[in-house]
PDB file of N, CA and C in Angstrom:
ATOM      1  N   MET A   1      66.905 106.621  76.484  1.00  0.00           N
ATOM      2  CA  MET A   1      67.682 107.408  75.757  1.00  0.00           C
ATOM      3  C   MET A   1      67.903 108.875  76.467  1.00  0.00           C
ATOM      4  N   ILE A   2      66.977 109.179  77.323  1.00  0.00           N
ATOM      5  CA  ILE A   2      67.066 110.480  78.015  1.00  0.00           C
ATOM      6  C   ILE A   2      67.842 110.332  79.281  1.00  0.00           C
ATOM      7  N   THR A   3      67.797 109.322  79.976  1.00  0.00           N
ATOM      8  CA  THR A   3      68.451 109.164  81.276  1.00  0.00           C
ATOM      9  C   THR A   3      69.916 108.748  81.097  1.00  0.00           C
ATOM     10  N   LYS A   4      70.733 108.879  82.220  1.00  0.00           N
ATOM     11  CA  LYS A   4      72.051 108.499  82.134  1.00  0.00           C
ATOM     12  C   LYS A   4      72.270 107.001  82.102  1.00  0.00           C
ATOM     13  N   PRO A   5      73.299 106.484  81.498  1.00  0.00           N
ATOM     14  CA  PRO A   5      73.468 105.032  81.591  1.00  0.00           C
ATOM     15  C   PRO A   5      73.814 104.624  83.075  1.00  0.00           C
ATOM     16  N   ILE A   6      73.420 103.432  83.353  1.00  0.00           N
ATOM     17  CA  ILE A   6      73.557 102.857  84.738  1.00  0.00           C
ATOM     18  C   ILE A   6      74.755 101.911  84.844  1.00  0.00           C
ATOM     19  N   THR A   7      75.476 101.668  83.824  1.00  0.00           N
ATOM     20  CA  THR A   7      76.563 100.816  83.758  1.00  0.00           C
ATOM     21  C   THR A   7      77.799 101.591  83.986  1.00  0.00           C
ATOM     22  N   LEU A   8      78.838 100.963  84.512  1.00  0.00           N
ATOM     23  CA  LEU A   8      80.234 101.586  84.740  1.00  0.00           C
ATOM     24  C   LEU A   8      81.194 101.069  83.791  1.00  0.00           C
ATOM     25  N   ASN A   9      82.188 101.850  83.537  1.00  0.00           N
ATOM     26  CA  ASN A   9      83.316 101.364  82.618  1.00  0.00           C
ATOM     27  C   ASN A   9      84.325 100.703  83.569  1.00  0.00           C
ATOM     28  N   PHE A  10      84.055  99.496  83.893  1.00  0.00           N
ATOM     29  CA  PHE A  10      84.889  98.714  84.828  1.00  0.00           C
ATOM     30  C   PHE A  10      86.205  98.352  84.113  1.00  0.00           C
ATOM     31  N   PRO A  11      87.369  98.430  84.570  1.00  0.00           N
ATOM     32  CA  PRO A  11      87.831  98.730  85.928  1.00  0.00           C
ATOM     33  C   PRO A  11      88.250 100.250  86.219  1.00  0.00           C
ATOM     34  N   GLU A  12      87.998 101.027  85.223  1.00  0.00           N
ATOM     35  CA  GLU A  12      88.341 102.469  85.377  1.00  0.00           C
ATOM     36  C   GLU A  12      87.396 103.122  86.315  1.00  0.00           C
ATOM     37  N   GLU A  13      86.110 102.778  86.280  1.00  0.00           N
ATOM     38  CA  GLU A  13      85.059 103.181  87.274  1.00  0.00           C
ATOM     39  C   GLU A  13      84.745 102.054  88.119  1.00  0.00           C
ATOM     40  N   ARG A  14      84.730 102.319  89.456  1.00  0.00           N
ATOM     41  CA  ARG A  14      84.350 101.312  90.349  1.00  0.00           C
ATOM     42  C   ARG A  14      83.172 101.867  91.360  1.00  0.00           C
ATOM     43  N   GLU A  15      82.384 100.800  91.596  1.00  0.00           N
ATOM     44  CA  GLU A  15      81.174 101.036  92.490  1.00  0.00           C
ATOM     45  C   GLU A  15      81.801 101.317  94.002  1.00  0.00           C
ATOM     46  N   VAL A  16      81.270 102.193  94.698  1.00  0.00           N
ATOM     47  CA  VAL A  16      81.646 102.511  96.004  1.00  0.00           C
ATOM     48  C   VAL A  16      80.866 101.572  96.856  1.00  0.00           C
ATOM     49  N   ALA A  17      81.615 100.803  97.848  1.00  0.00           N
ATOM     50  CA  ALA A  17      81.019  99.907  98.807  1.00  0.00           C
ATOM     51  C   ALA A  17      80.291 100.661  99.900  1.00  0.00           C
ATOM     52  N   LEU A  18      79.152 100.181 100.306  1.00  0.00           N
ATOM     53  CA  LEU A  18      78.540 100.780 101.360  1.00  0.00           C
ATOM     54  C   LEU A  18      79.210 100.553 102.766  1.00  0.00           C
ATOM     55  N   ASP A  19      78.845 101.326 103.750  1.00  0.00           N
ATOM     56  CA  ASP A  19      79.534 101.315 105.027  1.00  0.00           C
ATOM     57  C   ASP A  19      79.427  99.876 105.731  1.00  0.00           C
ATOM     58  N   ASN A  20      78.377  99.249 105.495  1.00  0.00           N
ATOM     59  CA  ASN A  20      78.104  97.885 106.201  1.00  0.00           C
ATOM     60  C   ASN A  20      78.593  96.740 105.292  1.00  0.00           C
ATOM     61  N   TYR A  21      79.156  97.006 104.177  1.00  0.00           N
ATOM     62  CA  TYR A  21      79.693  95.904 103.281  1.00  0.00           C
ATOM     63  C   TYR A  21      80.704  95.029 103.781  1.00  0.00           C
ATOM     64  N   ARG A  22      80.616  93.784 103.638  1.00  0.00           N
ATOM     65  CA  ARG A  22      81.705  92.822 104.139  1.00  0.00           C
ATOM     66  C   ARG A  22      82.330  92.151 102.886  1.00  0.00           C
ATOM     67  N   GLY A  23      83.609  92.553 102.735  1.00  0.00           N
ATOM     68  CA  GLY A  23      84.419  91.889 101.714  1.00  0.00           C
ATOM     69  C   GLY A  23      85.467  91.040 102.176  1.00  0.00           C
ATOM     70  N   ILE A  24      86.610  90.915 101.551  1.00  0.00           N
ATOM     71  CA  ILE A  24      87.643  90.038 101.757  1.00  0.00           C
ATOM     72  C   ILE A  24      88.293  90.351 103.077  1.00  0.00           C
ATOM     73  N   HIS A  25      88.692  89.336 103.715  1.00  0.00           N
ATOM     74  CA  HIS A  25      89.285  89.480 105.107  1.00  0.00           C
ATOM     75  C   HIS A  25      90.744  90.127 105.111  1.00  0.00           C
ATOM     76  N   LYS A  26      91.055  90.708 106.139  1.00  0.00           N
ATOM     77  CA  LYS A  26      92.342  91.275 106.309  1.00  0.00           C
ATOM     78  C   LYS A  26      92.878  90.872 107.692  1.00  0.00           C
ATOM     79  N   LEU A  27      94.081  90.369 107.760  1.00  0.00           N
ATOM     80  CA  LEU A  27      94.619  89.790 108.915  1.00  0.00           C
ATOM     81  C   LEU A  27      95.975  90.581 109.255  1.00  0.00           C
ATOM     82  N   ASP A  28      95.998  91.011 110.553  1.00  0.00           N
ATOM     83  CA  ASP A  28      97.144  91.608 111.032  1.00  0.00           C
ATOM     84  C   ASP A  28      98.013  90.480 111.864  1.00  0.00           C
ATOM     85  N   MET A  29      98.987  89.981 111.170  1.00  0.00           N
ATOM     86  CA  MET A  29      99.730  88.864 111.661  1.00  0.00           C
ATOM     87  C   MET A  29     100.504  89.171 112.952  1.00  0.00           C
ATOM     88  N   LYS A  30     100.870  90.443 113.158  1.00  0.00           N
ATOM     89  CA  LYS A  30     101.689  90.789 114.383  1.00  0.00           C
ATOM     90  C   LYS A  30     100.786  90.797 115.676  1.00  0.00           C
ATOM     91  N   THR A  31      99.433  91.042 115.481  1.00  0.00           N
ATOM     92  CA  THR A  31      98.638  91.085 116.647  1.00  0.00           C
ATOM     93  C   THR A  31      97.890  89.819 116.880  1.00  0.00           C
ATOM     94  N   CYS A  32      97.961  88.900 116.011  1.00  0.00           N
ATOM     95  CA  CYS A  32      97.150  87.546 116.101  1.00  0.00           C
ATOM     96  C   CYS A  32      97.827  86.843 117.194  1.00  0.00           C
ATOM     97  N   ILE A  33      97.015  86.355 118.188  1.00  0.00           N
ATOM     98  CA  ILE A  33      97.543  85.485 119.243  1.00  0.00           C
ATOM     99  C   ILE A  33      97.294  84.095 119.130  1.00  0.00           C
ATOM    100  N   SER A  34      96.805  83.643 117.983  1.00  0.00           N
ATOM    101  CA  SER A  34      96.655  82.087 117.651  1.00  0.00           C
ATOM    102  C   SER A  34      95.637  81.448 118.572  1.00  0.00           C
ATOM    103  N   CYS A  35      94.556  82.158 118.852  1.00  0.00           N
ATOM    104  CA  CYS A  35      93.622  81.552 119.812  1.00  0.00           C
ATOM    105  C   CYS A  35      92.655  80.617 119.185  1.00  0.00           C
ATOM    106  N   GLY A  36      92.414  80.800 117.768  1.00  0.00           N
ATOM    107  CA  GLY A  36      91.623  79.844 117.094  1.00  0.00           C
ATOM    108  C   GLY A  36      90.121  80.072 117.243  1.00  0.00           C
ATOM    109  N   ALA A  37      89.731  81.207 117.814  1.00  0.00           N
ATOM    110  CA  ALA A  37      88.310  81.542 118.067  1.00  0.00           C
ATOM    111  C   ALA A  37      87.577  81.748 116.780  1.00  0.00           C
ATOM    112  N   CYS A  38      88.305  82.289 115.741  1.00  0.00           N
ATOM    113  CA  CYS A  38      87.660  82.580 114.450  1.00  0.00           C
ATOM    114  C   CYS A  38      87.367  81.237 113.720  1.00  0.00           C
ATOM    115  N   ALA A  39      88.214  80.300 113.836  1.00  0.00           N
ATOM    116  CA  ALA A  39      88.003  78.897 113.272  1.00  0.00           C
ATOM    117  C   ALA A  39      86.796  78.195 113.984  1.00  0.00           C
ATOM    118  N   ARG A  40      86.759  78.326 115.285  1.00  0.00           N
ATOM    119  CA  ARG A  40      85.668  77.634 116.005  1.00  0.00           C
ATOM    120  C   ARG A  40      84.363  78.251 115.755  1.00  0.00           C
ATOM    121  N   ILE A  41      84.145  79.586 115.546  1.00  0.00           N
ATOM    122  CA  ILE A  41      82.951  80.235 115.438  1.00  0.00           C
ATOM    123  C   ILE A  41      82.352  80.076 113.977  1.00  0.00           C
ATOM    124  N   CYS A  42      83.168  79.829 113.049  1.00  0.00           N
ATOM    125  CA  CYS A  42      82.814  79.822 111.593  1.00  0.00           C
ATOM    126  C   CYS A  42      81.769  78.781 111.250  1.00  0.00           C
ATOM    127  N   PRO A  43      80.545  79.156 110.794  1.00  0.00           N
ATOM    128  CA  PRO A  43      79.456  78.186 110.619  1.00  0.00           C
ATOM    129  C   PRO A  43      79.760  77.278 109.409  1.00  0.00           C
ATOM    130  N   ASN A  44      80.588  77.615 108.505  1.00  0.00           N
ATOM    131  CA  ASN A  44      80.896  76.772 107.321  1.00  0.00           C
ATOM    132  C   ASN A  44      82.187  76.143 107.418  1.00  0.00           C
ATOM    133  N   GLN A  45      82.865  76.274 108.577  1.00  0.00           N
ATOM    134  CA  GLN A  45      84.180  75.708 108.680  1.00  0.00           C
ATOM    135  C   GLN A  45      85.143  76.145 107.606  1.00  0.00           C
ATOM    136  N   THR A  46      85.059  77.473 107.281  1.00  0.00           N
ATOM    137  CA  THR A  46      85.923  77.962 106.193  1.00  0.00           C
ATOM    138  C   THR A  46      87.268  78.431 106.654  1.00  0.00           C
ATOM    139  N   ILE A  47      87.535  78.623 108.063  1.00  0.00           N
ATOM    140  CA  ILE A  47      88.740  79.007 108.554  1.00  0.00           C
ATOM    141  C   ILE A  47      89.309  77.773 109.213  1.00  0.00           C
ATOM    142  N   GLU A  48      90.636  77.659 108.903  1.00  0.00           N
ATOM    143  CA  GLU A  48      91.510  76.520 109.368  1.00  0.00           C
ATOM    144  C   GLU A  48      92.849  77.238 109.968  1.00  0.00           C
ATOM    145  N   MET A  49      93.273  76.776 111.064  1.00  0.00           N
ATOM    146  CA  MET A  49      94.450  77.267 111.737  1.00  0.00           C
ATOM    147  C   MET A  49      95.646  76.441 111.070  1.00  0.00           C
ATOM    148  N   VAL A  50      96.603  77.187 110.519  1.00  0.00           N
ATOM    149  CA  VAL A  50      97.760  76.514 109.854  1.00  0.00           C
ATOM    150  C   VAL A  50      98.950  77.011 110.450  1.00  0.00           C
ATOM    151  N   ASP A  51     100.110  76.335 110.328  1.00  0.00           N
ATOM    152  CA  ASP A  51     101.358  76.764 110.755  1.00  0.00           C
ATOM    153  C   ASP A  51     101.950  77.840 109.732  1.00  0.00           C
ATOM    154  N   THR A  52     102.411  78.875 110.351  1.00  0.00           N
ATOM    155  CA  THR A  52     102.939  80.027 109.452  1.00  0.00           C
ATOM    156  C   THR A  52     104.285  80.487 110.011  1.00  0.00           C
ATOM    157  N   PRO A  53     105.202  80.552 109.119  1.00  0.00           N
ATOM    158  CA  PRO A  53     106.542  81.052 109.772  1.00  0.00           C
ATOM    159  C   PRO A  53     106.448  82.461 110.054  1.00  0.00           C
ATOM    160  N   THR A  54     106.996  82.922 111.209  1.00  0.00           N
ATOM    161  CA  THR A  54     107.015  84.398 111.638  1.00  0.00           C
ATOM    162  C   THR A  54     108.476  84.666 112.113  1.00  0.00           C
ATOM    163  N   ASP A  55     108.626  85.865 112.617  1.00  0.00           N
ATOM    164  CA  ASP A  55     109.927  86.160 113.169  1.00  0.00           C
ATOM    165  C   ASP A  55     110.339  85.357 114.379  1.00  0.00           C
ATOM    166  N   LYS A  56     109.460  84.938 115.136  1.00  0.00           N
ATOM    167  CA  LYS A  56     109.743  84.130 116.290  1.00  0.00           C
ATOM    168  C   LYS A  56     109.462  82.596 116.131  1.00  0.00           C
ATOM    169  N   GLY A  57     109.557  82.074 114.938  1.00  0.00           N
ATOM    170  CA  GLY A  57     109.341  80.662 114.631  1.00  0.00           C
ATOM    171  C   GLY A  57     108.001  80.427 114.058  1.00  0.00           C
ATOM    172  N   GLN A  58     107.428  79.246 114.172  1.00  0.00           N
ATOM    173  CA  GLN A  58     106.141  78.892 113.671  1.00  0.00           C
ATOM    174  C   GLN A  58     105.040  79.402 114.594  1.00  0.00           C
ATOM    175  N   LYS A  59     103.929  79.636 114.044  1.00  0.00           N
ATOM    176  CA  LYS A  59     102.752  80.257 114.776  1.00  0.00           C
ATOM    177  C   LYS A  59     101.532  79.708 113.995  1.00  0.00           C
ATOM    178  N   LYS A  60     100.455  79.428 114.732  1.00  0.00           N
ATOM    179  CA  LYS A  60      99.159  79.071 114.085  1.00  0.00           C
ATOM    180  C   LYS A  60      98.423  80.296 113.705  1.00  0.00           C
ATOM    181  N   MET A  61      98.062  80.380 112.384  1.00  0.00           N
ATOM    182  CA  MET A  61      97.297  81.564 111.952  1.00  0.00           C
ATOM    183  C   MET A  61      96.072  81.059 111.013  1.00  0.00           C
ATOM    184  N   PRO A  62      95.073  81.904 110.899  1.00  0.00           N
ATOM    185  CA  PRO A  62      93.982  81.523 110.192  1.00  0.00           C
ATOM    186  C   PRO A  62      94.170  81.483 108.613  1.00  0.00           C
ATOM    187  N   GLN A  63      93.863  80.373 108.033  1.00  0.00           N
ATOM    188  CA  GLN A  63      93.699  80.316 106.592  1.00  0.00           C
ATOM    189  C   GLN A  63      92.300  80.291 106.091  1.00  0.00           C
ATOM    190  N   ILE A  64      91.894  81.047 105.169  1.00  0.00           N
ATOM    191  CA  ILE A  64      90.504  81.267 104.869  1.00  0.00           C
ATOM    192  C   ILE A  64      90.192  80.794 103.438  1.00  0.00           C
ATOM    193  N   ASN A  65      89.136  79.938 103.192  1.00  0.00           N
ATOM    194  CA  ASN A  65      88.729  79.486 101.987  1.00  0.00           C
ATOM    195  C   ASN A  65      87.459  80.486 101.592  1.00  0.00           C
ATOM    196  N   LEU A  66      87.853  81.402 100.787  1.00  0.00           N
ATOM    197  CA  LEU A  66      86.801  82.380 100.341  1.00  0.00           C
ATOM    198  C   LEU A  66      85.593  81.831  99.577  1.00  0.00           C
ATOM    199  N   GLU A  67      85.867  80.682  98.935  1.00  0.00           N
ATOM    200  CA  GLU A  67      84.887  79.992  98.174  1.00  0.00           C
ATOM    201  C   GLU A  67      83.772  79.504  98.937  1.00  0.00           C
ATOM    202  N   ARG A  68      83.956  79.245 100.241  1.00  0.00           N
ATOM    203  CA  ARG A  68      82.902  78.664 101.167  1.00  0.00           C
ATOM    204  C   ARG A  68      82.520  79.756 102.204  1.00  0.00           C
ATOM    205  N   CYS A  69      83.062  80.932 102.158  1.00  0.00           N
ATOM    206  CA  CYS A  69      82.737  81.906 103.168  1.00  0.00           C
ATOM    207  C   CYS A  69      81.389  82.531 102.968  1.00  0.00           C
ATOM    208  N   LEU A  70      80.663  82.820 104.042  1.00  0.00           N
ATOM    209  CA  LEU A  70      79.424  83.426 104.065  1.00  0.00           C
ATOM    210  C   LEU A  70      79.448  84.975 104.199  1.00  0.00           C
ATOM    211  N   PHE A  71      80.748  85.417 104.607  1.00  0.00           N
ATOM    212  CA  PHE A  71      80.991  86.715 104.971  1.00  0.00           C
ATOM    213  C   PHE A  71      79.981  87.312 106.020  1.00  0.00           C
ATOM    214  N   CYS A  72      79.812  86.391 106.970  1.00  0.00           N
ATOM    215  CA  CYS A  72      78.805  86.744 108.095  1.00  0.00           C
ATOM    216  C   CYS A  72      79.434  87.603 109.282  1.00  0.00           C
ATOM    217  N   ALA A  73      80.831  87.749 109.192  1.00  0.00           N
ATOM    218  CA  ALA A  73      81.631  88.622 110.127  1.00  0.00           C
ATOM    219  C   ALA A  73      81.580  88.119 111.588  1.00  0.00           C
ATOM    220  N   LEU A  74      81.217  86.818 111.766  1.00  0.00           N
ATOM    221  CA  LEU A  74      81.277  86.286 113.020  1.00  0.00           C
ATOM    222  C   LEU A  74      82.732  86.124 113.546  1.00  0.00           C
ATOM    223  N   CYS A  75      83.597  85.814 112.585  1.00  0.00           N
ATOM    224  CA  CYS A  75      85.066  85.760 113.012  1.00  0.00           C
ATOM    225  C   CYS A  75      85.637  87.020 113.339  1.00  0.00           C
ATOM    226  N   GLU A  76      85.204  88.131 112.755  1.00  0.00           N
ATOM    227  CA  GLU A  76      85.556  89.479 113.127  1.00  0.00           C
ATOM    228  C   GLU A  76      85.099  89.860 114.448  1.00  0.00           C
ATOM    229  N   GLU A  77      83.869  89.419 114.791  1.00  0.00           N
ATOM    230  CA  GLU A  77      83.277  89.888 116.075  1.00  0.00           C
ATOM    231  C   GLU A  77      84.026  89.185 117.229  1.00  0.00           C
ATOM    232  N   VAL A  78      84.307  87.878 117.023  1.00  0.00           N
ATOM    233  CA  VAL A  78      84.893  87.050 118.125  1.00  0.00           C
ATOM    234  C   VAL A  78      86.336  87.261 118.352  1.00  0.00           C
ATOM    235  N   CYS A  79      87.000  87.888 117.407  1.00  0.00           N
ATOM    236  CA  CYS A  79      88.457  88.017 117.528  1.00  0.00           C
ATOM    237  C   CYS A  79      88.926  89.079 118.751  1.00  0.00           C
ATOM    238  N   PRO A  80      89.565  88.516 119.639  1.00  0.00           N
ATOM    239  CA  PRO A  80      89.863  89.245 120.867  1.00  0.00           C
ATOM    240  C   PRO A  80      90.837  90.412 120.682  1.00  0.00           C
ATOM    241  N   THR A  81      91.593  90.309 119.647  1.00  0.00           N
ATOM    242  CA  THR A  81      92.681  91.315 119.412  1.00  0.00           C
ATOM    243  C   THR A  81      92.296  92.275 118.163  1.00  0.00           C
ATOM    244  N   ASP A  82      91.101  91.996 117.523  1.00  0.00           N
ATOM    245  CA  ASP A  82      90.715  92.693 116.377  1.00  0.00           C
ATOM    246  C   ASP A  82      91.730  92.659 115.221  1.00  0.00           C
ATOM    247  N   CYS A  83      92.484  91.360 115.083  1.00  0.00           N
ATOM    248  CA  CYS A  83      93.498  91.372 114.111  1.00  0.00           C
ATOM    249  C   CYS A  83      92.779  90.874 112.767  1.00  0.00           C
ATOM    250  N   LEU A  84      91.570  90.307 112.807  1.00  0.00           N
ATOM    251  CA  LEU A  84      90.960  89.804 111.584  1.00  0.00           C
ATOM    252  C   LEU A  84      89.668  90.636 111.408  1.00  0.00           C
ATOM    253  N   VAL A  85      89.643  91.320 110.267  1.00  0.00           N
ATOM    254  CA  VAL A  85      88.609  92.239 109.919  1.00  0.00           C
ATOM    255  C   VAL A  85      88.218  91.998 108.508  1.00  0.00           C
ATOM    256  N   LEU A  86      86.930  92.333 108.185  1.00  0.00           N
ATOM    257  CA  LEU A  86      86.463  92.257 106.811  1.00  0.00           C
ATOM    258  C   LEU A  86      86.491  93.596 106.082  1.00  0.00           C
ATOM    259  N   THR A  87      87.130  93.657 104.971  1.00  0.00           N
ATOM    260  CA  THR A  87      87.450  94.911 104.297  1.00  0.00           C
ATOM    261  C   THR A  87      86.224  95.287 103.309  1.00  0.00           C
ATOM    262  N   LYS A  88      86.321  96.333 102.610  1.00  0.00           N
ATOM    263  CA  LYS A  88      85.394  96.729 101.644  1.00  0.00           C
ATOM    264  C   LYS A  88      85.791  96.298 100.208  1.00  0.00           C
ATOM    265  N   ASN A  89      86.846  95.458 100.190  1.00  0.00           N
ATOM    266  CA  ASN A  89      87.314  94.982  98.976  1.00  0.00           C
ATOM    267  C   ASN A  89      86.444  93.846  98.427  1.00  0.00           C
ATOM    268  N   TYR A  90      85.847  94.083  97.249  1.00  0.00           N
ATOM    269  CA  TYR A  90      84.898  93.215  96.654  1.00  0.00           C
ATOM    270  C   TYR A  90      85.486  92.491  95.397  1.00  0.00           C
ATOM    271  N   GLU A  91      86.652  92.781  94.952  1.00  0.00           N
ATOM    272  CA  GLU A  91      87.242  92.196  93.828  1.00  0.00           C
ATOM    273  C   GLU A  91      88.147  91.063  94.147  1.00  0.00           C
ATOM    274  N   PHE A  92      87.451  89.819  94.031  1.00  0.00           N
ATOM    275  CA  PHE A  92      88.170  88.573  94.012  1.00  0.00           C
ATOM    276  C   PHE A  92      87.700  87.641  93.039  1.00  0.00           C
ATOM    277  N   GLU A  93      88.465  87.549  92.005  1.00  0.00           N
ATOM    278  CA  GLU A  93      88.130  86.582  90.917  1.00  0.00           C
ATOM    279  C   GLU A  93      89.305  85.699  90.666  1.00  0.00           C
ATOM    280  N   ALA A  94      89.018  84.587  90.089  1.00  0.00           N
ATOM    281  CA  ALA A  94      90.111  83.632  89.724  1.00  0.00           C
ATOM    282  C   ALA A  94      89.690  82.648  88.617  1.00  0.00           C
ATOM    283  N   TYR A  95      90.622  82.230  87.956  1.00  0.00           N
ATOM    284  CA  TYR A  95      90.470  81.238  86.954  1.00  0.00           C
ATOM    285  C   TYR A  95      90.455  79.793  87.551  1.00  0.00           C
ATOM    286  N   ASP A  96      91.180  79.724  88.742  1.00  0.00           N
ATOM    287  CA  ASP A  96      91.362  78.371  89.349  1.00  0.00           C
ATOM    288  C   ASP A  96      90.819  78.506  90.766  1.00  0.00           C
ATOM    289  N   ARG A  97      90.015  77.426  91.169  1.00  0.00           N
ATOM    290  CA  ARG A  97      89.381  77.462  92.493  1.00  0.00           C
ATOM    291  C   ARG A  97      90.493  77.573  93.634  1.00  0.00           C
ATOM    292  N   ARG A  98      91.687  77.012  93.451  1.00  0.00           N
ATOM    293  CA  ARG A  98      92.740  76.912  94.445  1.00  0.00           C
ATOM    294  C   ARG A  98      93.096  78.445  94.888  1.00  0.00           C
ATOM    295  N   ASN A  99      92.896  79.379  93.993  1.00  0.00           N
ATOM    296  CA  ASN A  99      93.257  80.860  94.371  1.00  0.00           C
ATOM    297  C   ASN A  99      92.340  81.426  95.388  1.00  0.00           C
ATOM    298  N   PHE A 100      91.201  80.815  95.634  1.00  0.00           N
ATOM    299  CA  PHE A 100      90.276  81.386  96.680  1.00  0.00           C
ATOM    300  C   PHE A 100      90.707  80.866  98.071  1.00  0.00           C
ATOM    301  N   LEU A 101      91.696  79.946  98.168  1.00  0.00           N
ATOM    302  CA  LEU A 101      92.207  79.545  99.518  1.00  0.00           C
ATOM    303  C   LEU A 101      93.254  80.470  99.801  1.00  0.00           C
ATOM    304  N   LYS A 102      93.036  81.293 100.838  1.00  0.00           N
ATOM    305  CA  LYS A 102      93.947  82.517 101.284  1.00  0.00           C
ATOM    306  C   LYS A 102      94.784  82.183 102.474  1.00  0.00           C
ATOM    307  N   ARG A 103      96.106  82.010 102.306  1.00  0.00           N
ATOM    308  CA  ARG A 103      96.992  81.714 103.403  1.00  0.00           C
ATOM    309  C   ARG A 103      97.092  83.029 104.236  1.00  0.00           C
ATOM    310  N   PRO A 104      97.536  82.894 105.521  1.00  0.00           N
ATOM    311  CA  PRO A 104      97.644  84.038 106.324  1.00  0.00           C
ATOM    312  C   PRO A 104      98.464  85.228 105.758  1.00  0.00           C
ATOM    313  N   GLU A 105      99.500  84.833 105.042  1.00  0.00           N
ATOM    314  CA  GLU A 105     100.331  85.910 104.449  1.00  0.00           C
ATOM    315  C   GLU A 105      99.632  86.577 103.241  1.00  0.00           C
ATOM    316  N   ASP A 106      98.571  85.938 102.685  1.00  0.00           N
ATOM    317  CA  ASP A 106      97.893  86.527 101.516  1.00  0.00           C
ATOM    318  C   ASP A 106      96.871  87.553 102.021  1.00  0.00           C
ATOM    319  N   LEU A 107      96.555  87.568 103.291  1.00  0.00           N
ATOM    320  CA  LEU A 107      95.459  88.305 103.922  1.00  0.00           C
ATOM    321  C   LEU A 107      95.847  89.696 104.392  1.00  0.00           C
ATOM    322  N   LYS A 108      96.865  90.229 103.771  1.00  0.00           N
ATOM    323  CA  LYS A 108      97.448  91.520 104.197  1.00  0.00           C
ATOM    324  C   LYS A 108      96.495  92.665 103.658  1.00  0.00           C
TER     325      LYS A 108
END
């Protein structure tokens, strides 16, 4: 009764993510060179290279299944162009499991 409440009025108030927090992936489609290193290094085989339409035709880009992701950041470390990074975004909820499968164009 004397101390402040420790709960937040979500979504008006949000918790601030720490500096080393690993959240949802972000992909820069312009700098991705389609090397597939992120898909090869992923321990859970969460990343799959899929054909994606771009300005210059079709290009293989990473599709990520967040439902299986460990958020270990190995994909971020191995990326030679730093086009795949983990953000501080921790809000990903869905009523349908298929919404956790993020196509390259969803990772902006």
